[in-house]
């Protein structure tokens, strides 16, 4: 990650947390490669797939600055995660290490 990227200072992307979280990213990439879709599409499809478990509709709101990314994100609605993919992805959310943002200025 480029040092000027703000995420480079966030706890999820530094030290041991970075190494652990890289395992998560690699797993998502592996599933995406097997399904022939993008990792971001797998991530969004996984969020959509949580609706039956939660008993409510789930609608992620991904941000983008590029129209082609908007199309890619919308295509995630058509990604079907098979049982193998769900089995690989489901435990990942419990593996996330580190805070989302640095505590700059927080007391």
PDB file of N, CA and C in Angstrom:
ATOM      1  N   UNK A   1       0.845  -1.171   0.000  1.00  0.00           N
ATOM      2  CA  UNK A   1       0.000   0.000   0.000  1.00  0.00           C
ATOM      3  C   UNK A   1       0.897   1.243   0.000  1.00  0.00           C
ATOM      4  N   UNK A   2       0.559   2.175  -0.822  1.00  0.00           N
ATOM      5  CA  UNK A   2       1.313   3.417  -0.922  1.00  0.00           C
ATOM      6  C   UNK A   2       1.251   4.165   0.411  1.00  0.00           C
ATOM      7  N   UNK A   3       2.391   4.665   0.909  1.00  0.00           N
ATOM      8  CA  UNK A   3       2.403   5.376   2.204  1.00  0.00           C
ATOM      9  C   UNK A   3       1.467   6.588   2.245  1.00  0.00           C
ATOM     10  N   UNK A   4       1.150   7.163   1.103  1.00  0.00           N
ATOM     11  CA  UNK A   4       0.249   8.319   1.103  1.00  0.00           C
ATOM     12  C   UNK A   4      -1.225   7.904   1.204  1.00  0.00           C
ATOM     13  N   UNK A   5      -1.510   6.625   1.056  1.00  0.00           N
ATOM     14  CA  UNK A   5      -2.878   6.115   1.184  1.00  0.00           C
ATOM     15  C   UNK A   5      -3.274   6.194   2.659  1.00  0.00           C
ATOM     16  N   UNK A   6      -4.395   6.829   2.974  1.00  0.00           N
ATOM     17  CA  UNK A   6      -4.783   7.020   4.376  1.00  0.00           C
ATOM     18  C   UNK A   6      -4.931   5.696   5.109  1.00  0.00           C
ATOM     19  N   UNK A   7      -5.241   4.626   4.390  1.00  0.00           N
ATOM     20  CA  UNK A   7      -5.408   3.315   5.045  1.00  0.00           C
ATOM     21  C   UNK A   7      -4.096   2.792   5.606  1.00  0.00           C
ATOM     22  N   UNK A   8      -2.973   3.280   5.094  1.00  0.00           N
ATOM     23  CA  UNK A   8      -1.665   2.812   5.564  1.00  0.00           C
ATOM     24  C   UNK A   8      -1.447   3.143   7.036  1.00  0.00           C
ATOM     25  N   UNK A   9      -2.226   4.066   7.580  1.00  0.00           N
ATOM     26  CA  UNK A   9      -2.098   4.441   8.991  1.00  0.00           C
ATOM     27  C   UNK A   9      -3.215   3.848   9.849  1.00  0.00           C
ATOM     28  N   UNK A  10      -4.122   3.117   9.232  1.00  0.00           N
ATOM     29  CA  UNK A  10      -5.235   2.542   9.980  1.00  0.00           C
ATOM     30  C   UNK A  10      -4.851   1.184  10.549  1.00  0.00           C
ATOM     31  N   UNK A  11      -5.337   0.880  11.738  1.00  0.00           N
ATOM     32  CA  UNK A  11      -4.931  -0.342  12.440  1.00  0.00           C
ATOM     33  C   UNK A  11      -5.127  -1.638  11.654  1.00  0.00           C
ATOM     34  N   UNK A  12      -6.098  -1.706  10.787  1.00  0.00           N
ATOM     35  CA  UNK A  12      -6.325  -2.948  10.026  1.00  0.00           C
ATOM     36  C   UNK A  12      -5.240  -3.208   8.999  1.00  0.00           C
ATOM     37  N   UNK A  13      -4.473  -2.194   8.676  1.00  0.00           N
ATOM     38  CA  UNK A  13      -3.481  -2.323   7.613  1.00  0.00           C
ATOM     39  C   UNK A  13      -2.053  -2.175   8.116  1.00  0.00           C
ATOM     40  N   UNK A  14      -1.856  -2.372   9.416  1.00  0.00           N
ATOM     41  CA  UNK A  14      -0.513  -2.257   9.980  1.00  0.00           C
ATOM     42  C   UNK A  14      -0.194  -3.481  10.840  1.00  0.00           C
ATOM     43  N   UNK A  15       1.078  -3.808  10.948  1.00  0.00           N
ATOM     44  CA  UNK A  15       1.564  -4.865  11.840  1.00  0.00           C
ATOM     45  C   UNK A  15       0.915  -6.219  11.631  1.00  0.00           C
ATOM     46  N   UNK A  16       0.697  -6.923  12.745  1.00  0.00           N
ATOM     47  CA  UNK A  16       0.121  -8.262  12.700  1.00  0.00           C
ATOM     48  C   UNK A  16      -1.283  -8.264  12.107  1.00  0.00           C
ATOM     49  N   UNK A  17      -2.048  -7.220  12.364  1.00  0.00           N
ATOM     50  CA  UNK A  17      -3.401  -7.141  11.812  1.00  0.00           C
ATOM     51  C   UNK A  17      -3.356  -7.174  10.290  1.00  0.00           C
ATOM     52  N   UNK A  18      -2.402  -6.499   9.712  1.00  0.00           N
ATOM     53  CA  UNK A  18      -2.276  -6.474   8.258  1.00  0.00           C
ATOM     54  C   UNK A  18      -2.053  -7.869   7.699  1.00  0.00           C
ATOM     55  N   UNK A  19      -1.194  -8.643   8.362  1.00  0.00           N
ATOM     56  CA  UNK A  19      -0.915 -10.011   7.890  1.00  0.00           C
ATOM     57  C   UNK A  19      -2.146 -10.902   8.012  1.00  0.00           C
ATOM     58  N   UNK A  20      -2.851 -10.803   9.130  1.00  0.00           N
ATOM     59  CA  UNK A  20      -4.058 -11.607   9.329  1.00  0.00           C
ATOM     60  C   UNK A  20      -5.142 -11.209   8.329  1.00  0.00           C
ATOM     61  N   UNK A  21      -5.326  -9.924   8.140  1.00  0.00           N
ATOM     62  CA  UNK A  21      -6.355  -9.451   7.222  1.00  0.00           C
ATOM     63  C   UNK A  21      -6.012  -9.771   5.774  1.00  0.00           C
ATOM     64  N   UNK A  22      -4.726  -9.921   5.475  1.00  0.00           N
ATOM     65  CA  UNK A  22      -4.323 -10.314   4.128  1.00  0.00           C
ATOM     66  C   UNK A  22      -4.824 -11.726   3.808  1.00  0.00           C
ATOM     67  N   UNK A  23      -4.874 -12.593   4.811  1.00  0.00           N
ATOM     68  CA  UNK A  23      -5.419 -13.943   4.629  1.00  0.00           C
ATOM     69  C   UNK A  23      -6.875 -13.849   4.178  1.00  0.00           C
ATOM     70  N   UNK A  24      -7.617 -12.929   4.761  1.00  0.00           N
ATOM     71  CA  UNK A  24      -9.017 -12.724   4.393  1.00  0.00           C
ATOM     72  C   UNK A  24      -9.112 -12.279   2.938  1.00  0.00           C
ATOM     73  N   UNK A  25      -8.317 -11.276   2.579  1.00  0.00           N
ATOM     74  CA  UNK A  25      -8.331 -10.770   1.204  1.00  0.00           C
ATOM     75  C   UNK A  25      -7.937 -11.859   0.212  1.00  0.00           C
ATOM     76  N   UNK A  26      -6.947 -12.665   0.563  1.00  0.00           N
ATOM     77  CA  UNK A  26      -6.509 -13.748  -0.324  1.00  0.00           C
ATOM     78  C   UNK A  26      -7.613 -14.787  -0.513  1.00  0.00           C
ATOM     79  N   UNK A  27      -8.349 -15.086   0.542  1.00  0.00           N
ATOM     80  CA  UNK A  27      -9.449 -16.047   0.441  1.00  0.00           C
ATOM     81  C   UNK A  27     -10.538 -15.515  -0.479  1.00  0.00           C
ATOM     82  N   UNK A  28     -10.880 -14.246  -0.336  1.00  0.00           N
ATOM     83  CA  UNK A  28     -11.890 -13.636  -1.208  1.00  0.00           C
ATOM     84  C   UNK A  28     -11.413 -13.676  -2.662  1.00  0.00           C
ATOM     85  N   UNK A  29     -10.132 -13.381  -2.892  1.00  0.00           N
ATOM     86  CA  UNK A  29      -9.577 -13.445  -4.250  1.00  0.00           C
ATOM     87  C   UNK A  29      -9.657 -14.865  -4.818  1.00  0.00           C
ATOM     88  N   UNK A  30      -9.372 -15.854  -3.989  1.00  0.00           N
ATOM     89  CA  UNK A  30      -9.432 -17.248  -4.433  1.00  0.00           C
ATOM     90  C   UNK A  30     -10.849 -17.623  -4.844  1.00  0.00           C
ATOM     91  N   UNK A  31     -11.823 -17.269  -4.025  1.00  0.00           N
ATOM     92  CA  UNK A  31     -13.227 -17.549  -4.349  1.00  0.00           C
ATOM     93  C   UNK A  31     -13.613 -16.826  -5.638  1.00  0.00           C
ATOM     94  N   UNK A  32     -13.215 -15.571  -5.762  1.00  0.00           N
ATOM     95  CA  UNK A  32     -13.536 -14.795  -6.957  1.00  0.00           C
ATOM     96  C   UNK A  32     -12.936 -15.441  -8.203  1.00  0.00           C
ATOM     97  N   UNK A  33     -11.697 -15.879  -8.102  1.00  0.00           N
ATOM     98  CA  UNK A  33     -11.059 -16.526  -9.243  1.00  0.00           C
ATOM     99  C   UNK A  33     -11.777 -17.793  -9.653  1.00  0.00           C
ATOM    100  N   UNK A  34     -12.194 -18.579  -8.681  1.00  0.00           N
ATOM    101  CA  UNK A  34     -12.905 -19.823  -8.986  1.00  0.00           C
ATOM    102  C   UNK A  34     -14.253 -19.542  -9.646  1.00  0.00           C
ATOM    103  N   UNK A  35     -14.921 -18.468  -9.214  1.00  0.00           N
ATOM    104  CA  UNK A  35     -16.231 -18.134  -9.763  1.00  0.00           C
ATOM    105  C   UNK A  35     -16.147 -17.283 -11.026  1.00  0.00           C
ATOM    106  N   UNK A  36     -14.949 -16.775 -11.333  1.00  0.00           N
ATOM    107  CA  UNK A  36     -14.776 -15.944 -12.527  1.00  0.00           C
ATOM    108  C   UNK A  36     -15.359 -14.550 -12.394  1.00  0.00           C
ATOM    109  N   UNK A  37     -15.316 -14.010 -11.167  1.00  0.00           N
ATOM    110  CA  UNK A  37     -15.810 -12.656 -10.915  1.00  0.00           C
ATOM    111  C   UNK A  37     -14.744 -11.875 -10.162  1.00  0.00           C
ATOM    112  N   UNK A  38     -15.018 -10.621  -9.893  1.00  0.00           N
ATOM    113  CA  UNK A  38     -14.079  -9.766  -9.168  1.00  0.00           C
ATOM    114  C   UNK A  38     -14.206  -9.956  -7.659  1.00  0.00           C
ATOM    115  N   UNK A  39     -13.116  -9.763  -6.914  1.00  0.00           N
ATOM    116  CA  UNK A  39     -13.191  -9.865  -5.454  1.00  0.00           C
ATOM    117  C   UNK A  39     -14.248  -8.942  -4.840  1.00  0.00           C
ATOM    118  N   UNK A  40     -14.367  -7.732  -5.341  1.00  0.00           N
ATOM    119  CA  UNK A  40     -15.379  -6.809  -4.807  1.00  0.00           C
ATOM    120  C   UNK A  40     -16.781  -7.361  -5.029  1.00  0.00           C
ATOM    121  N   UNK A  41     -16.984  -8.037  -6.149  1.00  0.00           N
ATOM    122  CA  UNK A  41     -18.288  -8.632  -6.411  1.00  0.00           C
ATOM    123  C   UNK A  41     -18.583  -9.770  -5.435  1.00  0.00           C
ATOM    124  N   UNK A  42     -17.571 -10.549  -5.098  1.00  0.00           N
ATOM    125  CA  UNK A  42     -17.744 -11.611  -4.105  1.00  0.00           C
ATOM    126  C   UNK A  42     -18.101 -11.000  -2.754  1.00  0.00           C
ATOM    127  N   UNK A  43     -17.393  -9.946  -2.372  1.00  0.00           N
ATOM    128  CA  UNK A  43     -17.667  -9.303  -1.081  1.00  0.00           C
ATOM    129  C   UNK A  43     -19.098  -8.780  -1.021  1.00  0.00           C
ATOM    130  N   UNK A  44     -19.541  -8.125  -2.074  1.00  0.00           N
ATOM    131  CA  UNK A  44     -20.910  -7.608  -2.091  1.00  0.00           C
ATOM    132  C   UNK A  44     -21.929  -8.746  -2.124  1.00  0.00           C
ATOM    133  N   UNK A  45     -21.655  -9.784  -2.905  1.00  0.00           N
ATOM    134  CA  UNK A  45     -22.567 -10.930  -2.965  1.00  0.00           C
ATOM    135  C   UNK A  45     -22.684 -11.602  -1.601  1.00  0.00           C
ATOM    136  N   UNK A  46     -21.566 -11.651  -0.856  1.00  0.00           N
ATOM    137  CA  UNK A  46     -21.608 -12.235   0.485  1.00  0.00           C
ATOM    138  C   UNK A  46     -22.510 -11.409   1.404  1.00  0.00           C
ATOM    139  N   UNK A  47     -22.421 -10.085   1.300  1.00  0.00           N
ATOM    140  CA  UNK A  47     -23.283  -9.227   2.120  1.00  0.00           C
ATOM    141  C   UNK A  47     -24.746  -9.503   1.780  1.00  0.00           C
ATOM    142  N   UNK A  48     -25.074  -9.564   0.484  1.00  0.00           N
ATOM    143  CA  UNK A  48     -26.458  -9.863   0.085  1.00  0.00           C
ATOM    144  C   UNK A  48     -26.899 -11.220   0.626  1.00  0.00           C
ATOM    145  N   UNK A  49     -25.998 -12.172   0.657  1.00  0.00           N
ATOM    146  CA  UNK A  49     -26.318 -13.537   1.085  1.00  0.00           C
ATOM    147  C   UNK A  49     -26.614 -13.630   2.585  1.00  0.00           C
ATOM    148  N   UNK A  50     -26.367 -12.569   3.338  1.00  0.00           N
ATOM    149  CA  UNK A  50     -26.626 -12.592   4.773  1.00  0.00           C
ATOM    150  C   UNK A  50     -28.099 -12.376   5.110  1.00  0.00           C
ATOM    151  N   UNK A  51     -28.891 -11.919   4.152  1.00  0.00           N
ATOM    152  CA  UNK A  51     -30.299 -11.608   4.409  1.00  0.00           C
ATOM    153  C   UNK A  51     -31.077 -12.781   5.003  1.00  0.00           C
ATOM    154  N   UNK A  52     -30.981 -13.994   4.455  1.00  0.00           N
ATOM    155  CA  UNK A  52     -31.746 -15.098   5.060  1.00  0.00           C
ATOM    156  C   UNK A  52     -31.321 -15.380   6.508  1.00  0.00           C
ATOM    157  N   UNK A  53     -30.031 -15.298   6.779  1.00  0.00           N
ATOM    158  CA  UNK A  53     -29.527 -15.555   8.128  1.00  0.00           C
ATOM    159  C   UNK A  53     -30.006 -14.488   9.105  1.00  0.00           C
ATOM    160  N   UNK A  54     -30.039 -13.249   8.654  1.00  0.00           N
ATOM    161  CA  UNK A  54     -30.427 -12.130   9.510  1.00  0.00           C
ATOM    162  C   UNK A  54     -31.934 -11.911   9.572  1.00  0.00           C
ATOM    163  N   UNK A  55     -32.637 -12.422   8.570  1.00  0.00           N
ATOM    164  CA  UNK A  55     -34.084 -12.250   8.527  1.00  0.00           C
ATOM    165  C   UNK A  55     -34.539 -10.880   8.061  1.00  0.00           C
ATOM    166  N   UNK A  56     -33.641 -10.113   7.476  1.00  0.00           N
ATOM    167  CA  UNK A  56     -33.969  -8.794   6.929  1.00  0.00           C
ATOM    168  C   UNK A  56     -33.212  -8.611   5.616  1.00  0.00           C
ATOM    169  N   UNK A  57     -33.722  -7.750   4.770  1.00  0.00           N
ATOM    170  CA  UNK A  57     -33.007  -7.421   3.546  1.00  0.00           C
ATOM    171  C   UNK A  57     -31.733  -6.673   3.889  1.00  0.00           C
ATOM    172  N   UNK A  58     -30.696  -6.946   3.129  1.00  0.00           N
ATOM    173  CA  UNK A  58     -29.408  -6.304   3.353  1.00  0.00           C
ATOM    174  C   UNK A  58     -29.013  -5.606   2.054  1.00  0.00           C
ATOM    175  N   UNK A  59     -28.709  -4.324   2.158  1.00  0.00           N
ATOM    176  CA  UNK A  59     -28.344  -3.554   0.974  1.00  0.00           C
ATOM    177  C   UNK A  59     -27.080  -2.758   1.266  1.00  0.00           C
ATOM    178  N   UNK A  60     -25.926  -3.257   0.800  1.00  0.00           N
ATOM    179  CA  UNK A  60     -24.696  -2.478   0.978  1.00  0.00           C
ATOM    180  C   UNK A  60     -24.724  -1.252   0.079  1.00  0.00           C
ATOM    181  N   UNK A  61     -24.013  -0.229   0.486  1.00  0.00           N
ATOM    182  CA  UNK A  61     -23.931   0.989  -0.315  1.00  0.00           C
ATOM    183  C   UNK A  61     -22.453   1.252  -0.598  1.00  0.00           C
ATOM    184  N   UNK A  62     -21.919   0.589  -1.637  1.00  0.00           N
ATOM    185  CA  UNK A  62     -20.504   0.803  -1.950  1.00  0.00           C
ATOM    186  C   UNK A  62     -20.307   2.143  -2.649  1.00  0.00           C
ATOM    187  N   UNK A  63     -19.211   2.772  -2.352  1.00  0.00           N
ATOM    188  CA  UNK A  63     -18.895   4.039  -3.000  1.00  0.00           C
ATOM    189  C   UNK A  63     -17.909   3.830  -4.134  1.00  0.00           C
ATOM    190  N   UNK A  64     -17.949   4.697  -5.117  1.00  0.00           N
ATOM    191  CA  UNK A  64     -17.006   4.640  -6.222  1.00  0.00           C
ATOM    192  C   UNK A  64     -16.925   6.002  -6.888  1.00  0.00           C
ATOM    193  N   UNK A  65     -15.824   6.198  -7.577  1.00  0.00           N
ATOM    194  CA  UNK A  65     -15.640   7.435  -8.348  1.00  0.00           C
ATOM    195  C   UNK A  65     -15.681   7.154  -9.841  1.00  0.00           C
ATOM    196  N   UNK A  66     -15.883   5.901 -10.196  1.00  0.00           N
ATOM    197  CA  UNK A  66     -15.798   5.514 -11.604  1.00  0.00           C
ATOM    198  C   UNK A  66     -17.048   4.761 -12.040  1.00  0.00           C
ATOM    199  N   UNK A  67     -17.602   5.158 -13.180  1.00  0.00           N
ATOM    200  CA  UNK A  67     -18.837   4.551 -13.680  1.00  0.00           C
ATOM    201  C   UNK A  67     -18.683   3.051 -13.912  1.00  0.00           C
ATOM    202  N   UNK A  68     -17.513   2.619 -14.392  1.00  0.00           N
ATOM    203  CA  UNK A  68     -17.337   1.184 -14.639  1.00  0.00           C
ATOM    204  C   UNK A  68     -17.385   0.388 -13.334  1.00  0.00           C
ATOM    205  N   UNK A  69     -16.937   0.971 -12.240  1.00  0.00           N
ATOM    206  CA  UNK A  69     -17.022   0.299 -10.942  1.00  0.00           C
ATOM    207  C   UNK A  69     -18.483   0.183 -10.497  1.00  0.00           C
ATOM    208  N   UNK A  70     -19.280   1.189 -10.810  1.00  0.00           N
ATOM    209  CA  UNK A  70     -20.701   1.131 -10.492  1.00  0.00           C
ATOM    210  C   UNK A  70     -21.340  -0.064 -11.203  1.00  0.00           C
ATOM    211  N   UNK A  71     -21.001  -0.243 -12.468  1.00  0.00           N
ATOM    212  CA  UNK A  71     -21.518  -1.392 -13.226  1.00  0.00           C
ATOM    213  C   UNK A  71     -21.030  -2.712 -12.623  1.00  0.00           C
ATOM    214  N   UNK A  72     -19.771  -2.760 -12.234  1.00  0.00           N
ATOM    215  CA  UNK A  72     -19.230  -3.971 -11.610  1.00  0.00           C
ATOM    216  C   UNK A  72     -19.949  -4.270 -10.295  1.00  0.00           C
ATOM    217  N   UNK A  73     -20.174  -3.235  -9.496  1.00  0.00           N
ATOM    218  CA  UNK A  73     -20.865  -3.423  -8.226  1.00  0.00           C
ATOM    219  C   UNK A  73     -22.293  -3.918  -8.449  1.00  0.00           C
ATOM    220  N   UNK A  74     -22.980  -3.345  -9.418  1.00  0.00           N
ATOM    221  CA  UNK A  74     -24.353  -3.775  -9.717  1.00  0.00           C
ATOM    222  C   UNK A  74     -24.372  -5.228 -10.193  1.00  0.00           C
ATOM    223  N   UNK A  75     -23.344  -5.645 -10.910  1.00  0.00           N
ATOM    224  CA  UNK A  75     -23.269  -7.025 -11.399  1.00  0.00           C
ATOM    225  C   UNK A  75     -23.123  -8.028 -10.261  1.00  0.00           C
ATOM    226  N   UNK A  76     -22.749  -7.562  -9.085  1.00  0.00           N
ATOM    227  CA  UNK A  76     -22.626  -8.477  -7.945  1.00  0.00           C
ATOM    228  C   UNK A  76     -23.974  -9.071  -7.557  1.00  0.00           C
ATOM    229  N   UNK A  77     -25.052  -8.428  -7.957  1.00  0.00           N
ATOM    230  CA  UNK A  77     -26.383  -8.978  -7.701  1.00  0.00           C
ATOM    231  C   UNK A  77     -26.598 -10.306  -8.436  1.00  0.00           C
ATOM    232  N   UNK A  78     -25.843 -10.513  -9.502  1.00  0.00           N
ATOM    233  CA  UNK A  78     -25.968 -11.738 -10.295  1.00  0.00           C
ATOM    234  C   UNK A  78     -24.979 -12.819  -9.879  1.00  0.00           C
ATOM    235  N   UNK A  79     -24.108 -12.522  -8.922  1.00  0.00           N
ATOM    236  CA  UNK A  79     -23.117 -13.505  -8.479  1.00  0.00           C
ATOM    237  C   UNK A  79     -23.805 -14.493  -7.540  1.00  0.00           C
ATOM    238  N   UNK A  80     -23.721 -15.759  -7.885  1.00  0.00           N
ATOM    239  CA  UNK A  80     -24.297 -16.798  -7.042  1.00  0.00           C
ATOM    240  C   UNK A  80     -23.172 -17.505  -6.299  1.00  0.00           C
ATOM    241  N   UNK A  81     -23.183 -17.362  -5.005  1.00  0.00           N
ATOM    242  CA  UNK A  81     -22.179 -18.009  -4.172  1.00  0.00           C
ATOM    243  C   UNK A  81     -22.660 -19.426  -3.863  1.00  0.00           C
ATOM    244  N   UNK A  82     -21.889 -20.404  -4.293  1.00  0.00           N
ATOM    245  CA  UNK A  82     -22.256 -21.795  -4.030  1.00  0.00           C
ATOM    246  C   UNK A  82     -21.918 -22.148  -2.579  1.00  0.00           C
ATOM    247  N   UNK A  83     -22.294 -23.352  -2.174  1.00  0.00           N
ATOM    248  CA  UNK A  83     -22.065 -23.771  -0.785  1.00  0.00           C
ATOM    249  C   UNK A  83     -20.596 -23.727  -0.401  1.00  0.00           C
ATOM    250  N   UNK A  84     -19.714 -24.097  -1.340  1.00  0.00           N
ATOM    251  CA  UNK A  84     -18.282 -24.076  -1.066  1.00  0.00           C
ATOM    252  C   UNK A  84     -17.798 -22.648  -0.817  1.00  0.00           C
ATOM    253  N   UNK A  85     -18.252 -21.723  -1.657  1.00  0.00           N
ATOM    254  CA  UNK A  85     -17.861 -20.321  -1.485  1.00  0.00           C
ATOM    255  C   UNK A  85     -18.352 -19.784  -0.144  1.00  0.00           C
ATOM    256  N   UNK A  86     -19.602 -20.058   0.176  1.00  0.00           N
ATOM    257  CA  UNK A  86     -20.143 -19.576   1.458  1.00  0.00           C
ATOM    258  C   UNK A  86     -19.396 -20.178   2.635  1.00  0.00           C
ATOM    259  N   UNK A  87     -19.023 -21.448   2.525  1.00  0.00           N
ATOM    260  CA  UNK A  87     -18.273 -22.093   3.613  1.00  0.00           C
ATOM    261  C   UNK A  87     -16.903 -21.448   3.792  1.00  0.00           C
ATOM    262  N   UNK A  88     -16.284 -21.026   2.694  1.00  0.00           N
ATOM    263  CA  UNK A  88     -14.989 -20.355   2.797  1.00  0.00           C
ATOM    264  C   UNK A  88     -15.128 -18.931   3.332  1.00  0.00           C
ATOM    265  N   UNK A  89     -16.179 -18.239   2.932  1.00  0.00           N
ATOM    266  CA  UNK A  89     -16.332 -16.831   3.268  1.00  0.00           C
ATOM    267  C   UNK A  89     -16.919 -16.589   4.656  1.00  0.00           C
ATOM    268  N   UNK A  90     -17.836 -17.430   5.095  1.00  0.00           N
ATOM    269  CA  UNK A  90     -18.573 -17.168   6.327  1.00  0.00           C
ATOM    270  C   UNK A  90     -17.682 -16.912   7.541  1.00  0.00           C
ATOM    271  N   UNK A  91     -16.627 -17.691   7.762  1.00  0.00           N
ATOM    272  CA  UNK A  91     -15.824 -17.443   8.978  1.00  0.00           C
ATOM    273  C   UNK A  91     -14.921 -16.213   8.898  1.00  0.00           C
ATOM    274  N   UNK A  92     -14.792 -15.610   7.735  1.00  0.00           N
ATOM    275  CA  UNK A  92     -13.837 -14.512   7.573  1.00  0.00           C
ATOM    276  C   UNK A  92     -14.183 -13.280   8.397  1.00  0.00           C
ATOM    277  N   UNK A  93     -15.459 -12.980   8.545  1.00  0.00           N
ATOM    278  CA  UNK A  93     -15.813 -11.749   9.268  1.00  0.00           C
ATOM    279  C   UNK A  93     -15.364 -11.804  10.729  1.00  0.00           C
ATOM    280  N   UNK A  94     -15.290 -12.997  11.298  1.00  0.00           N
ATOM    281  CA  UNK A  94     -14.824 -13.129  12.682  1.00  0.00           C
ATOM    282  C   UNK A  94     -13.305 -13.059  12.795  1.00  0.00           C
ATOM    283  N   UNK A  95     -12.615 -13.085  11.669  1.00  0.00           N
ATOM    284  CA  UNK A  95     -11.156 -13.075  11.668  1.00  0.00           C
ATOM    285  C   UNK A  95     -10.559 -11.676  11.540  1.00  0.00           C
ATOM    286  N   UNK A  96     -11.369 -10.673  11.251  1.00  0.00           N
ATOM    287  CA  UNK A  96     -10.860  -9.311  11.026  1.00  0.00           C
ATOM    288  C   UNK A  96     -10.149  -8.808  12.279  1.00  0.00           C
ATOM    289  N   UNK A  97      -8.947  -8.296  12.091  1.00  0.00           N
ATOM    290  CA  UNK A  97      -8.132  -7.760  13.185  1.00  0.00           C
ATOM    291  C   UNK A  97      -7.906  -6.263  12.986  1.00  0.00           C
ATOM    292  N   UNK A  98      -7.821  -5.551  14.078  1.00  0.00           N
ATOM    293  CA  UNK A  98      -7.511  -4.122  14.026  1.00  0.00           C
ATOM    294  C   UNK A  98      -8.738  -3.262  13.830  1.00  0.00           C
ATOM    295  N   UNK A  99      -8.665  -2.056  14.375  1.00  0.00           N
ATOM    296  CA  UNK A  99      -9.766  -1.102  14.236  1.00  0.00           C
ATOM    297  C   UNK A  99      -9.869  -0.589  12.815  1.00  0.00           C
ATOM    298  N   UNK A 100     -11.025  -0.100  12.488  1.00  0.00           N
ATOM    299  CA  UNK A 100     -11.250   0.393  11.133  1.00  0.00           C
ATOM    300  C   UNK A 100     -10.472   1.691  10.880  1.00  0.00           C
ATOM    301  N   UNK A 101     -10.445   2.553  11.888  1.00  0.00           N
ATOM    302  CA  UNK A 101      -9.746   3.832  11.742  1.00  0.00           C
ATOM    303  C   UNK A 101      -8.795   4.036  12.907  1.00  0.00           C
ATOM    304  N   UNK A 102      -7.755   4.826  12.661  1.00  0.00           N
ATOM    305  CA  UNK A 102      -6.832   5.204  13.727  1.00  0.00           C
ATOM    306  C   UNK A 102      -7.558   6.154  14.687  1.00  0.00           C
ATOM    307  N   UNK A 103      -7.135   6.165  15.922  1.00  0.00           N
ATOM    308  CA  UNK A 103      -7.770   7.000  16.943  1.00  0.00           C
ATOM    309  C   UNK A 103      -7.126   8.380  17.050  1.00  0.00           C
ATOM    310  N   UNK A 104      -6.827   8.982  15.920  1.00  0.00           N
ATOM    311  CA  UNK A 104      -6.199  10.308  15.946  1.00  0.00           C
ATOM    312  C   UNK A 104      -7.122  11.324  16.612  1.00  0.00           C
ATOM    313  N   UNK A 105      -6.638  11.905  17.663  1.00  0.00           N
ATOM    314  CA  UNK A 105      -7.388  12.962  18.310  1.00  0.00           C
ATOM    315  C   UNK A 105      -8.531  12.494  19.192  1.00  0.00           C
ATOM    316  N   UNK A 106      -8.725  11.198  19.335  1.00  0.00           N
ATOM    317  CA  UNK A 106      -9.799  10.698  20.186  1.00  0.00           C
ATOM    318  C   UNK A 106      -9.286  10.554  21.610  1.00  0.00           C
ATOM    319  N   UNK A 107     -10.074  11.001  22.580  1.00  0.00           N
ATOM    320  CA  UNK A 107      -9.659  10.912  23.986  1.00  0.00           C
ATOM    321  C   UNK A 107     -10.496   9.935  24.726  1.00  0.00           C
TER     322      UNK A 107
END
